[in-house]
PDB file of N, CA and C in Angstrom:
ATOM      1  N   MET A   1      15.992  72.922 -12.225  1.00  0.00           N
ATOM      2  CA  MET A   1      17.737  72.504 -13.271  1.00  0.00           C
ATOM      3  C   MET A   1      18.672  72.195 -12.193  1.00  0.00           C
ATOM      4  N   ALA A   2      19.355  71.531 -12.133  1.00  0.00           N
ATOM      5  CA  ALA A   2      19.846  71.019 -10.738  1.00  0.00           C
ATOM      6  C   ALA A   2      21.795  71.830 -11.860  1.00  0.00           C
ATOM      7  N   GLN A   3      22.387  72.264 -10.540  1.00  0.00           N
ATOM      8  CA  GLN A   3      23.386  73.019 -10.837  1.00  0.00           C
ATOM      9  C   GLN A   3      24.165  71.974 -11.287  1.00  0.00           C
ATOM     10  N   MET A   4      25.298  72.762 -12.059  1.00  0.00           N
ATOM     11  CA  MET A   4      26.128  71.873 -12.766  1.00  0.00           C
ATOM     12  C   MET A   4      27.597  72.542 -12.241  1.00  0.00           C
ATOM     13  N   ALA A   5      28.242  71.206 -12.502  1.00  0.00           N
ATOM     14  CA  ALA A   5      29.991  71.825 -11.676  1.00  0.00           C
ATOM     15  C   ALA A   5      30.795  72.601 -13.520  1.00  0.00           C
ATOM     16  N   LEU A   6      31.417  73.591 -12.799  1.00  0.00           N
ATOM     17  CA  LEU A   6      32.033  74.318 -13.698  1.00  0.00           C
ATOM     18  C   LEU A   6      33.169  73.385 -14.285  1.00  0.00           C
ATOM     19  N   ARG A   7      33.521  74.059 -15.907  1.00  0.00           N
ATOM     20  CA  ARG A   7      34.714  72.909 -16.440  1.00  0.00           C
ATOM     21  C   ARG A   7      35.810  73.544 -15.545  1.00  0.00           C
ATOM     22  N   PRO A   8      36.852  72.657 -15.797  1.00  0.00           N
ATOM     23  CA  PRO A   8      38.346  72.565 -14.946  1.00  0.00           C
ATOM     24  C   PRO A   8      38.856  74.027 -15.407  1.00  0.00           C
ATOM     25  N   GLY A   9      39.865  74.977 -14.814  1.00  0.00           N
ATOM     26  CA  GLY A   9      39.425  76.097 -15.245  1.00  0.00           C
ATOM     27  C   GLY A   9      39.462  77.624 -15.340  1.00  0.00           C
ATOM     28  N   PHE A  10      38.231  77.301 -15.002  1.00  0.00           N
ATOM     29  CA  PHE A  10      37.232  78.413 -14.448  1.00  0.00           C
ATOM     30  C   PHE A  10      37.474  79.328 -13.367  1.00  0.00           C
ATOM     31  N   GLU A  11      37.694  78.451 -12.698  1.00  0.00           N
ATOM     32  CA  GLU A  11      38.621  78.994 -11.101  1.00  0.00           C
ATOM     33  C   GLU A  11      39.598  79.539 -11.254  1.00  0.00           C
ATOM     34  N   GLY A  12      40.525  80.230 -12.206  1.00  0.00           N
ATOM     35  CA  GLY A  12      42.056  80.393 -12.815  1.00  0.00           C
ATOM     36  C   GLY A  12      41.130  81.947 -13.964  1.00  0.00           C
ATOM     37  N   SER A  13      39.998  81.885 -14.195  1.00  0.00           N
ATOM     38  CA  SER A  13      39.744  82.793 -14.835  1.00  0.00           C
ATOM     39  C   SER A  13      39.478  83.915 -14.505  1.00  0.00           C
ATOM     40  N   ARG A  14      39.087  85.697 -14.436  1.00  0.00           N
ATOM     41  CA  ARG A  14      38.738  86.387 -13.674  1.00  0.00           C
ATOM     42  C   ARG A  14      37.026  87.062 -14.466  1.00  0.00           C
ATOM     43  N   GLU A  15      36.577  87.809 -13.650  1.00  0.00           N
ATOM     44  CA  GLU A  15      36.047  88.692 -14.696  1.00  0.00           C
ATOM     45  C   GLU A  15      36.619  89.575 -15.705  1.00  0.00           C
ATOM     46  N   ALA A  16      35.788  89.869 -16.865  1.00  0.00           N
ATOM     47  CA  ALA A  16      36.069  90.830 -17.465  1.00  0.00           C
ATOM     48  C   ALA A  16      36.048  91.985 -17.253  1.00  0.00           C
ATOM     49  N   THR A  17      36.921  92.793 -16.929  1.00  0.00           N
ATOM     50  CA  THR A  17      36.737  94.304 -16.632  1.00  0.00           C
ATOM     51  C   THR A  17      36.148  95.375 -18.039  1.00  0.00           C
ATOM     52  N   THR A  18      36.041  96.673 -17.820  1.00  0.00           N
ATOM     53  CA  THR A  18      35.878  97.235 -19.571  1.00  0.00           C
ATOM     54  C   THR A  18      36.956  97.911 -20.360  1.00  0.00           C
ATOM     55  N   ASP A  19      38.632  98.256 -19.402  1.00  0.00           N
ATOM     56  CA  ASP A  19      39.165  98.011 -19.984  1.00  0.00           C
ATOM     57  C   ASP A  19      39.531  97.010 -20.750  1.00  0.00           C
ATOM     58  N   ASP A  20      39.123  95.586 -20.742  1.00  0.00           N
ATOM     59  CA  ASP A  20      39.713  94.240 -21.487  1.00  0.00           C
ATOM     60  C   ASP A  20      38.864  94.717 -22.576  1.00  0.00           C
ATOM     61  N   LEU A  21      37.284  94.825 -22.424  1.00  0.00           N
ATOM     62  CA  LEU A  21      36.397  94.774 -23.043  1.00  0.00           C
ATOM     63  C   LEU A  21      36.498  95.384 -24.641  1.00  0.00           C
ATOM     64  N   LYS A  22      37.520  96.710 -23.646  1.00  0.00           N
ATOM     65  CA  LYS A  22      37.450  98.185 -24.613  1.00  0.00           C
ATOM     66  C   LYS A  22      39.036  97.264 -25.971  1.00  0.00           C
ATOM     67  N   SER A  23      39.024  96.401 -25.585  1.00  0.00           N
ATOM     68  CA  SER A  23      40.142  96.341 -26.037  1.00  0.00           C
ATOM     69  C   SER A  23      39.507  95.027 -27.504  1.00  0.00           C
ATOM     70  N   LEU A  24      38.804  94.875 -27.602  1.00  0.00           N
ATOM     71  CA  LEU A  24      38.018  94.232 -28.519  1.00  0.00           C
ATOM     72  C   LEU A  24      37.738  95.115 -30.026  1.00  0.00           C
ATOM     73  N   PRO A  25      37.451  94.293 -30.876  1.00  0.00           N
ATOM     74  CA  PRO A  25      37.424  95.171 -32.072  1.00  0.00           C
ATOM     75  C   PRO A  25      36.171  95.368 -32.193  1.00  0.00           C
ATOM     76  N   ALA A  26      35.419  96.127 -33.094  1.00  0.00           N
ATOM     77  CA  ALA A  26      33.855  96.790 -33.406  1.00  0.00           C
ATOM     78  C   ALA A  26      33.547  95.468 -33.374  1.00  0.00           C
ATOM     79  N   THR A  27      33.224  94.641 -34.227  1.00  0.00           N
ATOM     80  CA  THR A  27      32.376  93.531 -33.907  1.00  0.00           C
ATOM     81  C   THR A  27      32.401  92.918 -32.732  1.00  0.00           C
ATOM     82  N   SER A  28      33.189  92.421 -32.107  1.00  0.00           N
ATOM     83  CA  SER A  28      33.492  91.809 -30.490  1.00  0.00           C
ATOM     84  C   SER A  28      32.539  92.130 -30.147  1.00  0.00           C
ATOM     85  N   HIS A  29      32.558  94.500 -29.609  1.00  0.00           N
ATOM     86  CA  HIS A  29      31.664  95.171 -28.890  1.00  0.00           C
ATOM     87  C   HIS A  29      30.209  94.441 -29.420  1.00  0.00           C
ATOM     88  N   GLU A  30      29.786  94.566 -30.601  1.00  0.00           N
ATOM     89  CA  GLU A  30      28.733  94.455 -30.633  1.00  0.00           C
ATOM     90  C   GLU A  30      27.589  93.222 -30.037  1.00  0.00           C
ATOM     91  N   ALA A  31      28.805  92.256 -30.172  1.00  0.00           N
ATOM     92  CA  ALA A  31      28.505  90.430 -30.397  1.00  0.00           C
ATOM     93  C   ALA A  31      28.616  90.235 -28.774  1.00  0.00           C
ATOM     94  N   VAL A  32      29.581  91.265 -27.498  1.00  0.00           N
ATOM     95  CA  VAL A  32      28.848  91.708 -26.434  1.00  0.00           C
ATOM     96  C   VAL A  32      28.251  91.958 -25.885  1.00  0.00           C
ATOM     97  N   HIS A  33      27.577  92.571 -26.039  1.00  0.00           N
ATOM     98  CA  HIS A  33      26.184  93.245 -25.877  1.00  0.00           C
ATOM     99  C   HIS A  33      24.655  92.259 -26.575  1.00  0.00           C
ATOM    100  N   VAL A  34      25.208  92.003 -27.505  1.00  0.00           N
ATOM    101  CA  VAL A  34      24.267  90.998 -27.703  1.00  0.00           C
ATOM    102  C   VAL A  34      23.933  89.660 -26.447  1.00  0.00           C
ATOM    103  N   LEU A  35      25.314  89.307 -26.449  1.00  0.00           N
ATOM    104  CA  LEU A  35      25.574  88.290 -25.105  1.00  0.00           C
ATOM    105  C   LEU A  35      25.305  88.727 -24.049  1.00  0.00           C
ATOM    106  N   GLU A  36      25.504  89.674 -23.916  1.00  0.00           N
ATOM    107  CA  GLU A  36      25.089  90.407 -22.242  1.00  0.00           C
ATOM    108  C   GLU A  36      23.581  90.078 -22.161  1.00  0.00           C
ATOM    109  N   GLN A  37      23.015  90.921 -23.014  1.00  0.00           N
ATOM    110  CA  GLN A  37      21.364  90.619 -22.578  1.00  0.00           C
ATOM    111  C   GLN A  37      20.779  88.945 -22.614  1.00  0.00           C
ATOM    112  N   CYS A  38      21.694  88.084 -23.990  1.00  0.00           N
ATOM    113  CA  CYS A  38      21.262  86.929 -23.860  1.00  0.00           C
ATOM    114  C   CYS A  38      21.088  86.289 -22.393  1.00  0.00           C
ATOM    115  N   ILE A  39      22.211  86.957 -21.739  1.00  0.00           N
ATOM    116  CA  ILE A  39      22.731  86.116 -20.332  1.00  0.00           C
ATOM    117  C   ILE A  39      21.653  86.833 -19.746  1.00  0.00           C
ATOM    118  N   ALA A  40      21.518  87.919 -19.541  1.00  0.00           N
ATOM    119  CA  ALA A  40      20.040  88.359 -18.798  1.00  0.00           C
ATOM    120  C   ALA A  40      18.972  87.464 -18.628  1.00  0.00           C
ATOM    121  N   ASP A  41      18.731  87.775 -20.173  1.00  0.00           N
ATOM    122  CA  ASP A  41      17.350  87.041 -20.355  1.00  0.00           C
ATOM    123  C   ASP A  41      17.179  85.721 -20.614  1.00  0.00           C
ATOM    124  N   HIS A  42      17.823  84.946 -19.992  1.00  0.00           N
ATOM    125  CA  HIS A  42      18.263  83.512 -20.249  1.00  0.00           C
ATOM    126  C   HIS A  42      18.035  83.051 -22.112  1.00  0.00           C
ATOM    127  N   HIS A  43      18.376  83.810 -22.874  1.00  0.00           N
ATOM    128  CA  HIS A  43      18.205  83.851 -24.330  1.00  0.00           C
ATOM    129  C   HIS A  43      19.154  82.532 -24.754  1.00  0.00           C
ATOM    130  N   ILE A  44      19.023  81.035 -26.051  1.00  0.00           N
ATOM    131  CA  ILE A  44      19.872  81.259 -26.147  1.00  0.00           C
ATOM    132  C   ILE A  44      20.011  82.312 -27.178  1.00  0.00           C
ATOM    133  N   ALA A  45      20.981  81.786 -27.724  1.00  0.00           N
ATOM    134  CA  ALA A  45      22.501  82.867 -28.527  1.00  0.00           C
ATOM    135  C   ALA A  45      22.449  82.106 -29.640  1.00  0.00           C
ATOM    136  N   GLU A  46      23.119  82.084 -31.088  1.00  0.00           N
ATOM    137  CA  GLU A  46      23.493  81.681 -32.032  1.00  0.00           C
ATOM    138  C   GLU A  46      24.724  82.578 -32.394  1.00  0.00           C
ATOM    139  N   VAL A  47      25.776  81.635 -32.421  1.00  0.00           N
ATOM    140  CA  VAL A  47      27.158  82.435 -32.640  1.00  0.00           C
ATOM    141  C   VAL A  47      27.993  82.007 -33.399  1.00  0.00           C
ATOM    142  N   ASP A  48      28.004  82.990 -34.413  1.00  0.00           N
ATOM    143  CA  ASP A  48      28.745  81.951 -35.829  1.00  0.00           C
ATOM    144  C   ASP A  48      30.397  82.679 -35.376  1.00  0.00           C
ATOM    145  N   TYR A  49      31.266  81.766 -35.411  1.00  0.00           N
ATOM    146  CA  TYR A  49      32.536  81.439 -34.858  1.00  0.00           C
ATOM    147  C   TYR A  49      33.594  80.595 -36.222  1.00  0.00           C
ATOM    148  N   ARG A  50      35.036  81.846 -35.413  1.00  0.00           N
ATOM    149  CA  ARG A  50      35.792  80.931 -36.623  1.00  0.00           C
ATOM    150  C   ARG A  50      36.775  80.256 -35.458  1.00  0.00           C
ATOM    151  N   GLU A  51      36.558  78.758 -36.347  1.00  0.00           N
ATOM    152  CA  GLU A  51      37.622  78.076 -35.530  1.00  0.00           C
ATOM    153  C   GLU A  51      38.930  78.335 -36.147  1.00  0.00           C
ATOM    154  N   PRO A  52      40.183  77.734 -35.207  1.00  0.00           N
ATOM    155  CA  PRO A  52      41.451  77.703 -35.299  1.00  0.00           C
ATOM    156  C   PRO A  52      41.667  77.672 -36.962  1.00  0.00           C
ATOM    157  N   GLU A  53      41.797  76.592 -37.025  1.00  0.00           N
ATOM    158  CA  GLU A  53      41.987  76.031 -39.090  1.00  0.00           C
ATOM    159  C   GLU A  53      41.214  77.189 -39.886  1.00  0.00           C
ATOM    160  N   ASP A  54      40.238  78.243 -39.459  1.00  0.00           N
ATOM    161  CA  ASP A  54      39.706  79.286 -40.173  1.00  0.00           C
ATOM    162  C   ASP A  54      38.455  78.968 -40.822  1.00  0.00           C
ATOM    163  N   ARG A  55      37.962  77.737 -39.890  1.00  0.00           N
ATOM    164  CA  ARG A  55      36.113  77.421 -40.483  1.00  0.00           C
ATOM    165  C   ARG A  55      35.494  78.208 -39.824  1.00  0.00           C
ATOM    166  N   LEU A  56      34.405  78.271 -40.424  1.00  0.00           N
ATOM    167  CA  LEU A  56      32.995  78.742 -39.621  1.00  0.00           C
ATOM    168  C   LEU A  56      32.079  78.467 -39.522  1.00  0.00           C
ATOM    169  N   GLU A  57      32.014  78.249 -38.221  1.00  0.00           N
ATOM    170  CA  GLU A  57      30.400  77.031 -37.410  1.00  0.00           C
ATOM    171  C   GLU A  57      29.713  78.305 -36.522  1.00  0.00           C
ATOM    172  N   THR A  58      28.186  77.502 -36.545  1.00  0.00           N
ATOM    173  CA  THR A  58      27.662  78.870 -35.712  1.00  0.00           C
ATOM    174  C   THR A  58      27.080  77.717 -35.275  1.00  0.00           C
ATOM    175  N   ILE A  59      27.184  78.262 -33.775  1.00  0.00           N
ATOM    176  CA  ILE A  59      26.962  77.329 -32.503  1.00  0.00           C
ATOM    177  C   ILE A  59      25.998  77.592 -31.343  1.00  0.00           C
ATOM    178  N   ARG A  60      24.815  77.264 -31.686  1.00  0.00           N
ATOM    179  CA  ARG A  60      23.343  77.506 -30.443  1.00  0.00           C
ATOM    180  C   ARG A  60      24.309  77.000 -29.297  1.00  0.00           C
ATOM    181  N   LEU A  61      23.581  78.375 -28.057  1.00  0.00           N
ATOM    182  CA  LEU A  61      24.651  78.482 -27.206  1.00  0.00           C
ATOM    183  C   LEU A  61      23.532  78.839 -26.299  1.00  0.00           C
ATOM    184  N   ARG A  62      23.792  78.194 -24.564  1.00  0.00           N
ATOM    185  CA  ARG A  62      22.773  79.125 -23.580  1.00  0.00           C
ATOM    186  C   ARG A  62      24.239  80.081 -22.439  1.00  0.00           C
ATOM    187  N   PRO A  63      24.524  81.068 -23.481  1.00  0.00           N
ATOM    188  CA  PRO A  63      25.220  81.674 -22.391  1.00  0.00           C
ATOM    189  C   PRO A  63      25.401  82.058 -21.645  1.00  0.00           C
ATOM    190  N   ALA A  64      26.650  81.537 -20.399  1.00  0.00           N
ATOM    191  CA  ALA A  64      26.660  81.943 -19.181  1.00  0.00           C
ATOM    192  C   ALA A  64      27.901  83.101 -18.292  1.00  0.00           C
ATOM    193  N   PHE A  65      28.866  83.455 -18.884  1.00  0.00           N
ATOM    194  CA  PHE A  65      30.252  84.112 -18.154  1.00  0.00           C
ATOM    195  C   PHE A  65      30.211  84.681 -19.705  1.00  0.00           C
ATOM    196  N   ILE A  66      31.572  86.116 -19.034  1.00  0.00           N
ATOM    197  CA  ILE A  66      32.056  86.633 -19.960  1.00  0.00           C
ATOM    198  C   ILE A  66      33.568  86.089 -19.101  1.00  0.00           C
ATOM    199  N   ARG A  67      34.599  85.945 -19.447  1.00  0.00           N
ATOM    200  CA  ARG A  67      35.732  86.371 -18.531  1.00  0.00           C
ATOM    201  C   ARG A  67      37.208  86.425 -19.413  1.00  0.00           C
ATOM    202  N   TYR A  68      38.226  86.827 -18.798  1.00  0.00           N
ATOM    203  CA  TYR A  68      38.975  86.798 -19.065  1.00  0.00           C
ATOM    204  C   TYR A  68      40.237  85.494 -18.458  1.00  0.00           C
ATOM    205  N   SER A  69      40.557  84.093 -19.748  1.00  0.00           N
ATOM    206  CA  SER A  69      40.896  83.499 -19.471  1.00  0.00           C
ATOM    207  C   SER A  69      41.939  82.911 -18.919  1.00  0.00           C
ATOM    208  N   THR A  70      42.426  82.431 -18.385  1.00  0.00           N
ATOM    209  CA  THR A  70      43.769  81.767 -17.853  1.00  0.00           C
ATOM    210  C   THR A  70      45.305  81.906 -18.864  1.00  0.00           C
ATOM    211  N   ALA A  71      44.461  81.496 -19.959  1.00  0.00           N
ATOM    212  CA  ALA A  71      45.370  81.272 -21.450  1.00  0.00           C
ATOM    213  C   ALA A  71      45.562  83.456 -21.745  1.00  0.00           C
ATOM    214  N   HIS A  72      44.818  83.781 -21.370  1.00  0.00           N
ATOM    215  CA  HIS A  72      44.455  85.989 -21.164  1.00  0.00           C
ATOM    216  C   HIS A  72      44.094  86.083 -22.073  1.00  0.00           C
ATOM    217  N   ASN A  73      43.227  85.269 -22.596  1.00  0.00           N
ATOM    218  CA  ASN A  73      42.277  85.378 -23.640  1.00  0.00           C
ATOM    219  C   ASN A  73      40.520  85.766 -23.453  1.00  0.00           C
ATOM    220  N   LEU A  74      39.691  86.888 -24.171  1.00  0.00           N
ATOM    221  CA  LEU A  74      38.500  87.210 -23.252  1.00  0.00           C
ATOM    222  C   LEU A  74      37.951  86.027 -24.120  1.00  0.00           C
ATOM    223  N   VAL A  75      36.472  85.227 -23.290  1.00  0.00           N
ATOM    224  CA  VAL A  75      35.692  84.196 -23.325  1.00  0.00           C
ATOM    225  C   VAL A  75      34.956  84.319 -23.020  1.00  0.00           C
ATOM    226  N   LEU A  76      33.981  83.521 -23.457  1.00  0.00           N
ATOM    227  CA  LEU A  76      32.260  83.956 -23.752  1.00  0.00           C
ATOM    228  C   LEU A  76      32.516  82.165 -22.856  1.00  0.00           C
ATOM    229  N   TRP A  77      31.873  81.778 -21.943  1.00  0.00           N
ATOM    230  CA  TRP A  77      31.533  80.346 -20.936  1.00  0.00           C
ATOM    231  C   TRP A  77      29.782  80.130 -21.259  1.00  0.00           C
ATOM    232  N   GLY A  78      29.924  79.111 -21.482  1.00  0.00           N
ATOM    233  CA  GLY A  78      28.061  78.806 -22.113  1.00  0.00           C
ATOM    234  C   GLY A  78      28.132  76.659 -22.336  1.00  0.00           C
ATOM    235  N   LEU A  79      27.051  76.431 -22.130  1.00  0.00           N
ATOM    236  CA  LEU A  79      26.698  75.576 -22.673  1.00  0.00           C
ATOM    237  C   LEU A  79      25.660  74.792 -24.057  1.00  0.00           C
ATOM    238  N   PRO A  80      26.402  74.130 -24.508  1.00  0.00           N
ATOM    239  CA  PRO A  80      25.613  74.235 -25.844  1.00  0.00           C
ATOM    240  C   PRO A  80      23.881  74.241 -25.799  1.00  0.00           C
ATOM    241  N   ASP A  81      23.525  74.343 -26.443  1.00  0.00           N
ATOM    242  CA  ASP A  81      21.747  73.910 -26.633  1.00  0.00           C
ATOM    243  C   ASP A  81      21.666  72.275 -26.613  1.00  0.00           C
ATOM    244  N   ARG A  82      22.192  71.740 -26.614  1.00  0.00           N
ATOM    245  CA  ARG A  82      22.049  70.280 -26.781  1.00  0.00           C
ATOM    246  C   ARG A  82      22.961  69.915 -25.702  1.00  0.00           C
ATOM    247  N   GLY A  83      23.974  70.371 -25.552  1.00  0.00           N
ATOM    248  CA  GLY A  83      24.770  69.633 -24.763  1.00  0.00           C
ATOM    249  C   GLY A  83      25.123  69.835 -23.188  1.00  0.00           C
ATOM    250  N   SER A  84      25.582  68.875 -22.760  1.00  0.00           N
ATOM    251  CA  SER A  84      26.177  69.268 -21.113  1.00  0.00           C
ATOM    252  C   SER A  84      27.031  69.349 -20.352  1.00  0.00           C
ATOM    253  N   ASP A  85      28.034  69.445 -21.550  1.00  0.00           N
ATOM    254  CA  ASP A  85      29.462  69.859 -21.221  1.00  0.00           C
ATOM    255  C   ASP A  85      30.187  71.850 -21.425  1.00  0.00           C
ATOM    256  N   TRP A  86      30.454  72.481 -20.392  1.00  0.00           N
ATOM    257  CA  TRP A  86      31.282  73.556 -20.525  1.00  0.00           C
ATOM    258  C   TRP A  86      32.178  74.134 -21.726  1.00  0.00           C
ATOM    259  N   ILE A  87      31.835  74.849 -22.285  1.00  0.00           N
ATOM    260  CA  ILE A  87      32.961  75.114 -23.454  1.00  0.00           C
ATOM    261  C   ILE A  87      33.196  77.098 -23.401  1.00  0.00           C
ATOM    262  N   GLU A  88      34.199  76.870 -23.764  1.00  0.00           N
ATOM    263  CA  GLU A  88      34.638  78.394 -23.694  1.00  0.00           C
ATOM    264  C   GLU A  88      35.089  79.060 -25.488  1.00  0.00           C
ATOM    265  N   LEU A  89      34.421  80.192 -25.443  1.00  0.00           N
ATOM    266  CA  LEU A  89      34.613  80.822 -26.771  1.00  0.00           C
ATOM    267  C   LEU A  89      35.630  82.172 -27.231  1.00  0.00           C
ATOM    268  N   ARG A  90      36.560  82.069 -27.788  1.00  0.00           N
ATOM    269  CA  ARG A  90      37.103  83.420 -27.814  1.00  0.00           C
ATOM    270  C   ARG A  90      35.999  84.554 -28.171  1.00  0.00           C
ATOM    271  N   LEU A  91      36.408  85.122 -27.648  1.00  0.00           N
ATOM    272  CA  LEU A  91      35.509  86.694 -28.148  1.00  0.00           C
ATOM    273  C   LEU A  91      36.560  87.031 -29.201  1.00  0.00           C
ATOM    274  N   ASP A  92      37.178  87.161 -29.634  1.00  0.00           N
ATOM    275  CA  ASP A  92      38.113  87.634 -30.982  1.00  0.00           C
ATOM    276  C   ASP A  92      38.174  86.795 -32.198  1.00  0.00           C
ATOM    277  N   ARG A  93      36.988  85.405 -31.623  1.00  0.00           N
ATOM    278  CA  ARG A  93      36.806  84.178 -32.840  1.00  0.00           C
ATOM    279  C   ARG A  93      34.992  84.620 -32.956  1.00  0.00           C
ATOM    280  N   ILE A  94      34.221  85.684 -32.206  1.00  0.00           N
ATOM    281  CA  ILE A  94      33.173  85.369 -32.666  1.00  0.00           C
ATOM    282  C   ILE A  94      32.595  86.662 -33.554  1.00  0.00           C
ATOM    283  N   THR A  95      32.225  86.603 -34.697  1.00  0.00           N
ATOM    284  CA  THR A  95      32.427  87.088 -35.887  1.00  0.00           C
ATOM    285  C   THR A  95      30.482  88.393 -35.796  1.00  0.00           C
ATOM    286  N   ARG A  96      29.722  87.189 -35.024  1.00  0.00           N
ATOM    287  CA  ARG A  96      28.401  87.983 -34.990  1.00  0.00           C
ATOM    288  C   ARG A  96      27.330  86.718 -33.670  1.00  0.00           C
ATOM    289  N   VAL A  97      26.687  87.167 -33.448  1.00  0.00           N
ATOM    290  CA  VAL A  97      25.331  86.421 -31.949  1.00  0.00           C
ATOM    291  C   VAL A  97      24.046  87.245 -32.712  1.00  0.00           C
ATOM    292  N   ARG A  98      23.219  86.016 -32.539  1.00  0.00           N
ATOM    293  CA  ARG A  98      21.807  86.582 -32.708  1.00  0.00           C
ATOM    294  C   ARG A  98      21.235  86.317 -31.402  1.00  0.00           C
ATOM    295  N   ASP A  99      20.444  86.981 -31.226  1.00  0.00           N
ATOM    296  CA  ASP A  99      19.373  86.758 -29.557  1.00  0.00           C
ATOM    297  C   ASP A  99      18.140  85.379 -30.382  1.00  0.00           C
ATOM    298  N   THR A 100      18.379  84.510 -29.819  1.00  0.00           N
ATOM    299  CA  THR A 100      17.066  83.279 -30.381  1.00  0.00           C
ATOM    300  C   THR A 100      15.545  83.672 -30.598  1.00  0.00           C
ATOM    301  N   GLY A 101      15.149  84.653 -29.319  1.00  0.00           N
ATOM    302  CA  GLY A 101      14.863  84.300 -27.806  1.00  0.00           C
ATOM    303  C   GLY A 101      14.300  83.260 -27.507  1.00  0.00           C
ATOM    304  N   ASP A 102      14.240  82.219 -27.336  1.00  0.00           N
ATOM    305  CA  ASP A 102      14.388  80.844 -27.332  1.00  0.00           C
ATOM    306  C   ASP A 102      15.060  81.424 -25.622  1.00  0.00           C
ATOM    307  N   VAL A 103      13.850  80.020 -24.692  1.00  0.00           N
ATOM    308  CA  VAL A 103      14.530  80.899 -23.284  1.00  0.00           C
ATOM    309  C   VAL A 103      14.973  79.199 -23.025  1.00  0.00           C
ATOM    310  N   PHE A 104      15.829  79.880 -21.948  1.00  0.00           N
ATOM    311  CA  PHE A 104      16.599  77.872 -21.789  1.00  0.00           C
ATOM    312  C   PHE A 104      16.396  78.695 -20.127  1.00  0.00           C
ATOM    313  N   GLU A 105      16.430  77.466 -19.272  1.00  0.00           N
ATOM    314  CA  GLU A 105      16.554  77.730 -17.421  1.00  0.00           C
ATOM    315  C   GLU A 105      18.090  77.504 -17.078  1.00  0.00           C
ATOM    316  N   PRO A 106      18.305  78.999 -16.384  1.00  0.00           N
ATOM    317  CA  PRO A 106      19.985  78.111 -15.944  1.00  0.00           C
ATOM    318  C   PRO A 106      20.337  77.814 -15.219  1.00  0.00           C
ATOM    319  N   THR A 107      21.143  76.734 -15.263  1.00  0.00           N
ATOM    320  CA  THR A 107      22.055  75.947 -14.930  1.00  0.00           C
ATOM    321  C   THR A 107      22.581  76.186 -12.570  1.00  0.00           C
ATOM    322  N   ARG A 108      22.968  77.701 -12.925  1.00  0.00           N
ATOM    323  CA  ARG A 108      23.929  78.617 -12.304  1.00  0.00           C
ATOM    324  C   ARG A 108      23.306  79.290 -11.403  1.00  0.00           C
TER     325      ARG A 108
END
């Protein structure tokens, strides 16, 4: 698969530190562990995500990076399972993550 350009704003983000990750609620810690494993294994993740208007949505995602954003939020960067545009999801809005076991080919 060809490399895909990252979404504008990625360059201004930075890698998350251990202290950044420690600041998350317990549910987010569990999610981070599952996401890190999905990233390492190139597995699609199902992410239960609470939208700003408090609506809960499940997103199938090819996770790629956990970063500290320019807006000072810990975020997950990834590609929707059937999409081609990068999205970022705030870790504090993720309520649960499941490893589907479905393998994807990374773009970067």
